[in-house]
């Protein structure tokens, strides 16, 4: 009879349970992470869990996140957690009484996510799962509460549950996770404060500016008061230019704005104004100083020059009008000839088209008539041949009956 050592059997079972039990009943999650946005001690932080499942989390199974002692989960609700399967957000609720796929229940330092039976929330093996906890939860409710970190140190959070996957995640909490940086902004055009530079800039001394030359005093203009008074007496507009004391080498015309419009209107006539005649200017000449006689002659010559220019402009305008008139007459004549030629061409084309259509109609009628006659003749011949055939056949039948 076979005897079994009960003590040895129990020892073997215990060893297998300790060393191989977890690999038989549970699998390790792939790439499990717990990412915190704050690692400073006693500060609230958002948690981002990421992992790939080794087994399928069937409907009715649970996924549990256990936070190490010291993490404070007080005040968190279902709205503070989102879970996504391969990028697809799974609807959450505080229980599985509705149609939501995941029931979320918070406890002391843990949260249990139940895959609601019958709602299609199963997570297949090899799925990438992302769980947002805290203010990052925004899909099926707005997260309002974060998990408060413990004091500085190393802590181990775990993922377990009845979905047969597990993982341990180590999180380090430190005293200070942010660095305060201060800087001094150099001075600018608005004279803001600046720090002392490490290297003093070189001092550059600009050379003293050269003394500006003193301009020579301008020569005093020749007296023109008597000339202006004399010109006004004869009715001419007083020029505003300074009159030279000596004759210029060349004659230059004054700017248009120096002569008033009423004076320009008075010189439209091709003849110079009568006020410039020697008789009208003689009484005044006796009162004009010798140095102003030349300036008055320059003014008189300017008037004649403007008159010549005006006459030239009139001639150009007349020639332009004449050229435009000739061009218009030639254009009208050319258009008229083109219209006549076009009308003649269209008329000839219409006549030729009518003649061609008439000839085609005649030829078509003749062809149809010939075809009709030939068809009637052929039908008649065929009918005669058929009648002859019927007659001969009938005679043959009668002859064979009486033989």
Protein backbone atom coordinates (compact mmCIF):
# COMPACT_ATOMS: atom_id res chain seq x y z
CA UNK A 1 0.00 0.00 0.00
CA UNK A 2 1.33 3.45 -1.00
CA UNK A 3 2.04 5.71 1.95
CA UNK A 4 2.32 9.53 1.63
CA UNK A 5 4.37 11.65 4.03
CA UNK A 6 1.85 14.37 4.89
CA UNK A 7 4.50 16.71 6.31
CA UNK A 8 6.60 16.61 3.16
CA UNK A 9 3.52 17.14 0.96
CA UNK A 10 2.51 20.23 2.91
CA UNK A 11 6.07 21.60 2.68
CA UNK A 12 6.12 21.15 -1.11
CA UNK A 13 2.72 22.82 -1.49
CA UNK A 14 3.88 25.75 0.67
CA UNK A 15 7.05 26.23 -1.39
CA UNK A 16 5.09 26.19 -4.65
CA UNK A 17 2.62 28.68 -3.19
CA UNK A 18 5.34 31.09 -2.14
CA UNK A 19 7.51 31.01 -5.26
CA UNK A 20 5.14 30.11 -8.08
CA UNK A 21 1.71 31.05 -6.79
CA UNK A 22 1.72 34.60 -8.18
CA UNK A 23 2.87 33.51 -11.66
CA UNK A 24 0.17 30.83 -11.73
CA UNK A 25 -2.74 33.04 -10.71
CA UNK A 26 -1.67 36.57 -11.71
CA UNK A 27 0.44 38.29 -14.42
CA UNK A 28 2.61 41.36 -14.33
CA UNK A 29 1.26 44.53 -15.99
CA UNK A 30 3.41 45.76 -18.86
CA UNK A 31 5.10 49.17 -18.51
CA UNK A 32 3.11 50.34 -15.49
CA UNK A 33 3.74 54.01 -14.54
CA UNK A 34 2.41 56.50 -11.99
CA UNK A 35 3.24 60.03 -13.20
CA UNK A 36 2.70 62.90 -10.72
CA UNK A 37 2.67 66.57 -11.73
CA UNK A 38 3.98 67.54 -8.23
CA UNK A 39 6.57 65.54 -6.25
CA UNK A 40 6.86 68.01 -3.36
CA UNK A 41 5.94 66.76 0.09
CA UNK A 42 2.47 67.60 1.43
CA UNK A 43 1.39 69.17 -1.89
CA UNK A 44 -1.73 68.12 -3.88
CA UNK A 45 -0.87 66.31 -7.12
CA UNK A 46 -2.58 64.87 -10.19
CA UNK A 47 -1.79 61.21 -10.98
CA UNK A 48 -1.52 59.69 -14.46
CA UNK A 49 -1.44 55.87 -14.50
CA UNK A 50 -0.42 54.09 -17.71
CA UNK A 51 -0.06 50.33 -18.33
CA UNK A 52 -0.72 47.51 -20.80
CA UNK A 53 -2.84 44.58 -19.66
CA UNK A 54 -1.47 41.04 -19.77
CA UNK A 55 -4.87 39.40 -19.25
CA UNK A 56 -8.41 40.35 -20.26
CA UNK A 57 -10.33 42.29 -17.62
CA UNK A 58 -13.74 40.66 -18.04
CA UNK A 59 -17.07 42.16 -17.06
CA UNK A 60 -17.58 41.92 -13.32
CA UNK A 61 -13.84 41.98 -12.52
CA UNK A 62 -12.12 44.81 -10.62
CA UNK A 63 -9.04 46.99 -11.01
CA UNK A 64 -7.78 48.38 -7.69
CA UNK A 65 -5.15 51.10 -7.18
CA UNK A 66 -3.65 51.03 -3.67
CA UNK A 67 -1.84 54.19 -2.53
CA UNK A 68 0.90 53.85 0.10
CA UNK A 69 0.23 55.04 3.62
CA UNK A 70 0.67 58.80 3.82
CA UNK A 71 -1.13 59.66 0.58
CA UNK A 72 -4.40 61.46 1.38
CA UNK A 73 -7.37 60.55 -0.89
CA UNK A 74 -10.03 62.27 1.21
CA UNK A 75 -12.72 64.07 -0.76
CA UNK A 76 -12.16 62.33 -4.13
CA UNK A 77 -15.25 61.16 -6.01
CA UNK A 78 -16.12 59.38 -9.24
CA UNK A 79 -15.82 62.71 -11.12
CA UNK A 80 -12.11 62.87 -10.15
CA UNK A 81 -11.22 59.76 -12.23
CA UNK A 82 -11.22 58.99 -15.97
CA UNK A 83 -10.25 55.66 -17.56
CA UNK A 84 -9.54 55.03 -21.26
CA UNK A 85 -9.06 51.75 -23.15
CA UNK A 86 -6.83 52.16 -26.26
CA UNK A 87 -7.81 55.83 -26.46
CA UNK A 88 -11.56 55.16 -26.00
CA UNK A 89 -12.93 56.84 -22.88
CA UNK A 90 -15.06 54.44 -20.75
CA UNK A 91 -18.10 56.00 -19.09
CA UNK A 92 -17.95 56.08 -15.30
CA UNK A 93 -20.44 56.26 -12.42
CA UNK A 94 -20.41 55.75 -8.69
CA UNK A 95 -22.11 52.35 -9.14
CA UNK A 96 -23.08 49.83 -11.84
CA UNK A 97 -26.84 50.42 -11.56
CA UNK A 98 -27.01 52.28 -14.89
CA UNK A 99 -25.48 51.74 -18.32
CA UNK A 100 -22.03 53.09 -17.42
CA UNK A 101 -19.13 50.76 -18.16
CA UNK A 102 -17.03 51.43 -15.03
CA UNK A 103 -18.18 51.81 -11.41
CA UNK A 104 -15.77 53.94 -9.36
CA UNK A 105 -15.68 53.74 -5.54
CA UNK A 106 -13.09 55.55 -3.39
CA UNK A 107 -11.91 54.16 -0.06
CA UNK A 108 -9.09 54.94 2.34
CA UNK A 109 -5.95 55.19 0.23
CA UNK A 110 -7.47 53.13 -2.59
CA UNK A 111 -9.91 53.29 -5.49
CA UNK A 112 -11.81 50.31 -6.88
CA UNK A 113 -12.90 50.29 -10.55
CA UNK A 114 -15.51 47.61 -11.30
CA UNK A 115 -16.17 46.65 -14.95
CA UNK A 116 -19.96 46.71 -14.93
CA UNK A 117 -21.55 43.41 -16.07
CA UNK A 118 -23.60 43.57 -19.25
CA UNK A 119 -22.46 47.06 -20.29
CA UNK A 120 -19.67 46.12 -22.72
CA UNK A 121 -16.75 47.56 -20.78
CA UNK A 122 -14.41 44.55 -20.87
CA UNK A 123 -10.74 45.40 -21.45
CA UNK A 124 -8.93 42.93 -23.70
CA UNK A 125 -5.44 41.59 -23.10
CA UNK A 126 -2.78 43.84 -24.63
CA UNK A 127 -4.88 46.99 -24.26
CA UNK A 128 -3.24 50.30 -23.36
CA UNK A 129 -5.03 51.68 -20.31
CA UNK A 130 -4.74 55.32 -19.16
CA UNK A 131 -6.22 56.48 -15.83
CA UNK A 132 -6.33 60.21 -14.96
CA UNK A 133 -6.92 61.17 -11.32
CA UNK A 134 -7.44 64.74 -10.09
CA UNK A 135 -7.97 67.88 -12.12
CA UNK A 136 -7.01 65.98 -15.29
CA UNK A 137 -10.34 64.09 -15.19
CA UNK A 138 -12.69 65.92 -17.58
CA UNK A 139 -14.66 63.29 -19.52
CA UNK A 140 -17.65 62.22 -17.39
CA UNK A 141 -17.50 64.94 -14.76
CA UNK A 142 -14.98 67.64 -13.91
CA UNK A 143 -12.26 66.65 -11.47
CA UNK A 144 -12.01 69.06 -8.54
CA UNK A 145 -9.84 67.26 -5.94
CA UNK A 146 -6.24 66.01 -6.04
CA UNK A 147 -4.39 63.45 -3.90
CA UNK A 148 -2.18 65.07 -1.25
CA UNK A 149 1.40 63.79 -1.16
CA UNK A 150 2.92 62.40 2.04
CA UNK A 151 6.20 63.59 3.56
CA UNK A 152 9.45 63.20 1.69
CA UNK A 153 10.58 59.62 1.10
CA UNK A 154 10.13 56.59 -1.16
CA UNK A 155 6.68 55.01 -1.43
CA UNK A 156 5.22 52.02 -3.30
CA UNK A 157 1.80 52.21 -4.94
CA UNK A 158 0.29 49.03 -6.36
CA UNK A 159 -2.26 47.94 -8.95
CA UNK A 160 -4.19 44.76 -8.16
CA UNK A 161 -7.71 43.41 -8.53
CA UNK A 162 -9.62 40.36 -9.73
CA UNK A 163 -8.62 41.00 -13.37
CA UNK A 164 -5.48 38.91 -12.57
CA UNK A 165 -2.83 41.55 -13.38
CA UNK A 166 -0.62 43.23 -10.77
CA UNK A 167 2.17 45.79 -10.56
CA UNK A 168 4.20 47.67 -7.95
CA UNK A 169 5.19 51.28 -8.71
CA UNK A 170 7.78 53.18 -6.64
CA UNK A 171 7.21 56.94 -6.19
CA UNK A 172 9.78 59.34 -4.67
CA UNK A 173 8.51 62.40 -2.77
CA UNK A 174 10.99 65.23 -2.18
CA UNK A 175 11.04 68.40 -0.09
CA UNK A 176 11.24 70.82 -2.98
CA UNK A 177 10.29 70.12 -6.61
CA UNK A 178 10.54 73.65 -7.90
CA UNK A 179 13.40 76.12 -8.12
CA UNK A 180 12.95 79.85 -7.78
CA UNK A 181 15.07 81.71 -10.35
CA UNK A 182 15.62 85.46 -10.18
CA UNK A 183 17.34 87.65 -12.75
CA UNK A 184 18.32 91.27 -13.11
CA UNK A 185 17.24 92.91 -16.36
CA UNK A 186 19.83 95.26 -17.92
CA UNK A 187 18.95 98.89 -18.34
CA UNK A 188 17.05 99.99 -21.42
CA UNK A 189 15.84 103.21 -22.99
CA UNK A 190 13.33 103.60 -20.17
CA UNK A 191 16.12 103.75 -17.52
CA UNK A 192 15.04 100.62 -15.59
CA UNK A 193 17.49 99.44 -12.88
CA UNK A 194 20.38 97.21 -13.90
CA UNK A 195 23.03 95.21 -12.11
CA UNK A 196 26.71 96.09 -12.24
CA UNK A 197 28.26 94.51 -15.36
CA UNK A 198 31.06 91.99 -14.90
CA UNK A 199 33.30 93.85 -17.34
CA UNK A 200 33.17 97.62 -17.52
CA UNK A 201 32.73 98.88 -21.06
CA UNK A 202 35.58 100.99 -22.47
CA UNK A 203 35.21 104.72 -22.19
CA UNK A 204 35.29 106.39 -25.57
CA UNK A 205 35.88 110.14 -25.67
CA UNK A 206 34.45 111.82 -28.74
CA UNK A 207 36.58 114.54 -30.32
CA UNK A 208 35.45 118.09 -29.76
CA UNK A 209 33.26 119.32 -32.61
CA UNK A 210 34.91 121.72 -35.03
CA UNK A 211 33.68 125.30 -34.74
CA UNK A 212 31.01 126.14 -37.25
CA UNK A 213 32.05 128.77 -39.81
CA UNK A 214 30.40 132.13 -39.37
CA UNK A 215 28.46 132.91 -42.54
CA UNK A 216 29.26 136.16 -44.28
CA UNK A 217 26.53 138.75 -44.04
CA UNK A 218 24.19 138.75 -47.01
CA UNK A 219 24.43 141.81 -49.27
CA UNK A 220 21.71 144.29 -48.81
CA UNK A 221 19.10 144.20 -51.63
CA UNK A 222 18.88 147.14 -53.98
CA UNK A 223 16.12 149.60 -53.09
CA UNK A 224 13.00 148.66 -54.99
CA UNK A 225 10.35 150.67 -53.20
CA UNK A 226 10.25 153.36 -55.95
CA UNK A 227 10.03 150.70 -58.72
CA UNK A 228 7.13 148.93 -57.00
CA UNK A 229 5.30 152.26 -56.53
CA UNK A 230 5.84 153.20 -60.19
CA UNK A 231 4.56 149.82 -61.43
CA UNK A 232 1.43 150.12 -59.28
CA UNK A 233 0.71 153.57 -60.78
CA UNK A 234 0.47 152.10 -64.31
CA UNK A 235 -1.81 149.24 -63.16
CA UNK A 236 0.68 146.34 -63.28
CA UNK A 237 0.79 143.85 -60.43
CA UNK A 238 3.78 144.41 -58.20
CA UNK A 239 6.28 141.53 -58.45
CA UNK A 240 7.38 139.95 -55.20
CA UNK A 241 10.87 139.00 -56.41
CA UNK A 242 14.00 140.83 -55.27
CA UNK A 243 15.23 142.82 -58.27
CA UNK A 244 18.92 142.34 -59.13
CA UNK A 245 21.33 145.27 -59.07
CA UNK A 246 23.10 144.08 -62.25
CA UNK A 247 21.77 142.46 -65.48
CA UNK A 248 21.72 138.59 -65.40
CA UNK A 249 23.58 136.57 -67.99
CA UNK A 250 20.40 134.66 -69.05
CA UNK A 251 16.72 135.50 -68.95
CA UNK A 252 14.65 133.19 -66.69
CA UNK A 253 10.86 133.17 -66.44
CA UNK A 254 9.26 133.75 -63.05
CA UNK A 255 7.43 130.91 -61.29
CA UNK A 256 3.69 130.61 -62.17
CA UNK A 257 2.62 131.32 -58.62
CA UNK A 258 4.26 134.80 -58.76
CA UNK A 259 1.75 136.09 -61.31
CA UNK A 260 -1.85 136.34 -60.04
CA UNK A 261 -4.64 134.58 -61.93
CA UNK A 262 -6.30 137.85 -63.00
CA UNK A 263 -3.06 138.98 -64.57
CA UNK A 264 -2.72 135.66 -66.45
CA UNK A 265 -6.27 136.07 -67.73
CA UNK A 266 -5.33 139.52 -69.08
CA UNK A 267 -2.57 138.11 -71.34
CA UNK A 268 -4.57 135.36 -73.12
CA UNK A 269 -4.76 137.71 -76.12
CA UNK A 270 -1.91 137.20 -78.61
CA UNK A 271 -0.98 140.89 -78.45
CA UNK A 272 0.79 142.33 -75.43
CA UNK A 273 -1.28 144.44 -73.03
CA UNK A 274 -1.42 148.12 -74.04
CA UNK A 275 -0.14 149.10 -70.60
CA UNK A 276 3.37 148.07 -71.65
CA UNK A 277 3.54 150.54 -74.55
CA UNK A 278 6.26 153.19 -74.50
CA UNK A 279 3.71 156.01 -74.35
CA UNK A 280 2.09 154.70 -71.21
CA UNK A 281 5.36 153.88 -69.51
CA UNK A 282 7.16 157.18 -70.48
CA UNK A 283 5.69 159.34 -67.68
CA UNK A 284 6.75 156.72 -65.16
CA UNK A 285 10.25 156.20 -66.49
CA UNK A 286 11.28 159.66 -65.38
CA UNK A 287 10.55 158.73 -61.77
CA UNK A 288 12.34 155.32 -61.84
CA UNK A 289 15.95 155.20 -60.69
CA UNK A 290 18.53 154.03 -63.23
CA UNK A 291 19.12 150.73 -61.37
CA UNK A 292 15.39 149.75 -61.77
CA UNK A 293 15.06 150.35 -65.53
CA UNK A 294 16.67 147.03 -66.42
CA UNK A 295 14.42 145.11 -64.01
CA UNK A 296 11.33 146.65 -65.53
CA UNK A 297 12.57 145.67 -68.99
CA UNK A 298 13.05 142.09 -67.73
CA UNK A 299 9.50 142.10 -66.44
CA UNK A 300 8.26 143.46 -69.78
CA UNK A 301 10.18 140.77 -71.72
CA UNK A 302 8.74 138.12 -69.40
CA UNK A 303 5.22 139.18 -70.36
CA UNK A 304 6.04 138.85 -74.07
CA UNK A 305 7.60 135.42 -73.43
CA UNK A 306 4.46 134.24 -71.61
CA UNK A 307 2.36 135.57 -74.51
CA UNK A 308 4.44 133.57 -77.00
CA UNK A 309 4.11 130.43 -74.89
CA UNK A 310 0.34 130.91 -74.66
CA UNK A 311 0.10 131.32 -78.42
CA UNK A 312 2.18 128.16 -78.88
CA UNK A 313 -0.16 126.23 -76.57
CA UNK A 314 -3.18 127.50 -78.55
CA UNK A 315 -1.55 126.41 -81.81
CA UNK A 316 -0.79 122.97 -80.38
CA UNK A 317 -4.38 122.62 -79.19
CA UNK A 318 -5.71 123.59 -82.62
CA UNK A 319 -3.39 121.14 -84.35
CA UNK A 320 -4.38 118.41 -81.92
CA UNK A 321 -8.11 119.04 -82.53
CA UNK A 322 -7.51 118.97 -86.27
CA UNK A 323 -5.59 115.71 -86.03
CA UNK A 324 -8.28 114.14 -83.86
CA UNK A 325 -10.97 115.28 -86.31
CA UNK A 326 -9.08 113.77 -89.27
CA UNK A 327 -8.54 110.54 -87.34
CA UNK A 328 -12.24 110.36 -86.44
CA UNK A 329 -13.29 110.92 -90.05
CA UNK A 330 -10.87 108.24 -91.26
CA UNK A 331 -12.08 105.84 -88.55
CA UNK A 332 -15.72 106.41 -89.50
CA UNK A 333 -14.90 105.87 -93.16
CA UNK A 334 -12.98 102.68 -92.38
CA UNK A 335 -15.81 101.35 -90.19
CA UNK A 336 -18.36 102.18 -92.92
CA UNK A 337 -16.31 100.37 -95.57
CA UNK A 338 -15.88 97.40 -93.27
CA UNK A 339 -19.63 97.28 -92.61
CA UNK A 340 -20.37 97.38 -96.36
CA UNK A 341 -17.86 94.63 -97.08
CA UNK A 342 -19.19 92.52 -94.24
CA UNK A 343 -22.80 92.97 -95.41
CA UNK A 344 -21.83 92.05 -98.96
CA UNK A 345 -19.96 88.98 -97.77
CA UNK A 346 -22.87 87.86 -95.59
CA UNK A 347 -25.33 88.41 -98.45
CA UNK A 348 -23.24 86.35 -100.84
CA UNK A 349 -22.84 83.63 -98.24
CA UNK A 350 -26.59 83.53 -97.64
CA UNK A 351 -27.32 83.34 -101.37
CA UNK A 352 -24.78 80.56 -101.85
CA UNK A 353 -26.19 78.68 -98.86
CA UNK A 354 -29.76 78.96 -100.17
CA UNK A 355 -28.65 77.79 -103.61
CA UNK A 356 -26.73 74.86 -102.12
CA UNK A 357 -29.68 73.84 -99.95
CA UNK A 358 -32.04 74.07 -102.97
CA UNK A 359 -29.73 71.92 -105.10
CA UNK A 360 -29.41 69.39 -102.28
CA UNK A 361 -33.19 69.23 -101.92
CA UNK A 362 -33.63 68.66 -105.64
CA UNK A 363 -31.00 65.93 -105.72
CA UNK A 364 -32.48 64.26 -102.65
CA UNK A 365 -36.02 64.33 -104.14
CA UNK A 366 -34.76 62.87 -107.40
CA UNK A 367 -32.88 60.10 -105.59
CA UNK A 368 -35.91 59.25 -103.45
CA UNK A 369 -38.13 59.16 -106.55
CA UNK A 370 -35.76 56.82 -108.37
CA UNK A 371 -35.47 54.59 -105.31
CA UNK A 372 -39.25 54.43 -104.95
CA UNK A 373 -39.73 53.47 -108.60
CA UNK A 374 -37.04 50.81 -108.44
CA UNK A 375 -38.53 49.42 -105.23
CA UNK A 376 -42.04 49.23 -106.73
CA UNK A 377 -40.66 47.48 -109.84
CA UNK A 378 -38.73 44.99 -107.71
CA UNK A 379 -41.77 44.24 -105.54
CA UNK A 380 -43.90 43.75 -108.65
CA UNK A 381 -41.41 41.32 -110.19
CA UNK A 382 -41.20 39.42 -106.92
CA UNK A 383 -45.01 39.15 -106.72
CA UNK A 384 -45.20 37.87 -110.30
CA UNK A 385 -42.53 35.26 -109.62
CA UNK A 386 -44.30 34.15 -106.46
CA UNK A 387 -47.62 33.83 -108.33
CA UNK A 388 -45.94 31.78 -111.07
CA UNK A 389 -44.35 29.53 -108.43
CA UNK A 390 -47.68 29.00 -106.70
CA UNK A 391 -49.35 28.23 -110.01
CA UNK A 392 -46.69 25.70 -111.04
CA UNK A 393 -46.75 24.06 -107.64
CA UNK A 394 -50.53 23.78 -107.72
CA UNK A 395 -50.44 22.24 -111.23
CA UNK A 396 -47.82 19.73 -110.11
CA UNK A 397 -49.94 18.69 -107.14
CA UNK A 398 -53.08 18.26 -109.31
CA UNK A 399 -51.17 16.24 -111.89
CA UNK A 400 -49.75 13.91 -109.29
CA UNK A 401 -53.21 13.26 -107.83
CA UNK A 402 -54.67 12.01 -111.10
CA UNK A 403 -51.81 9.88 -112.28
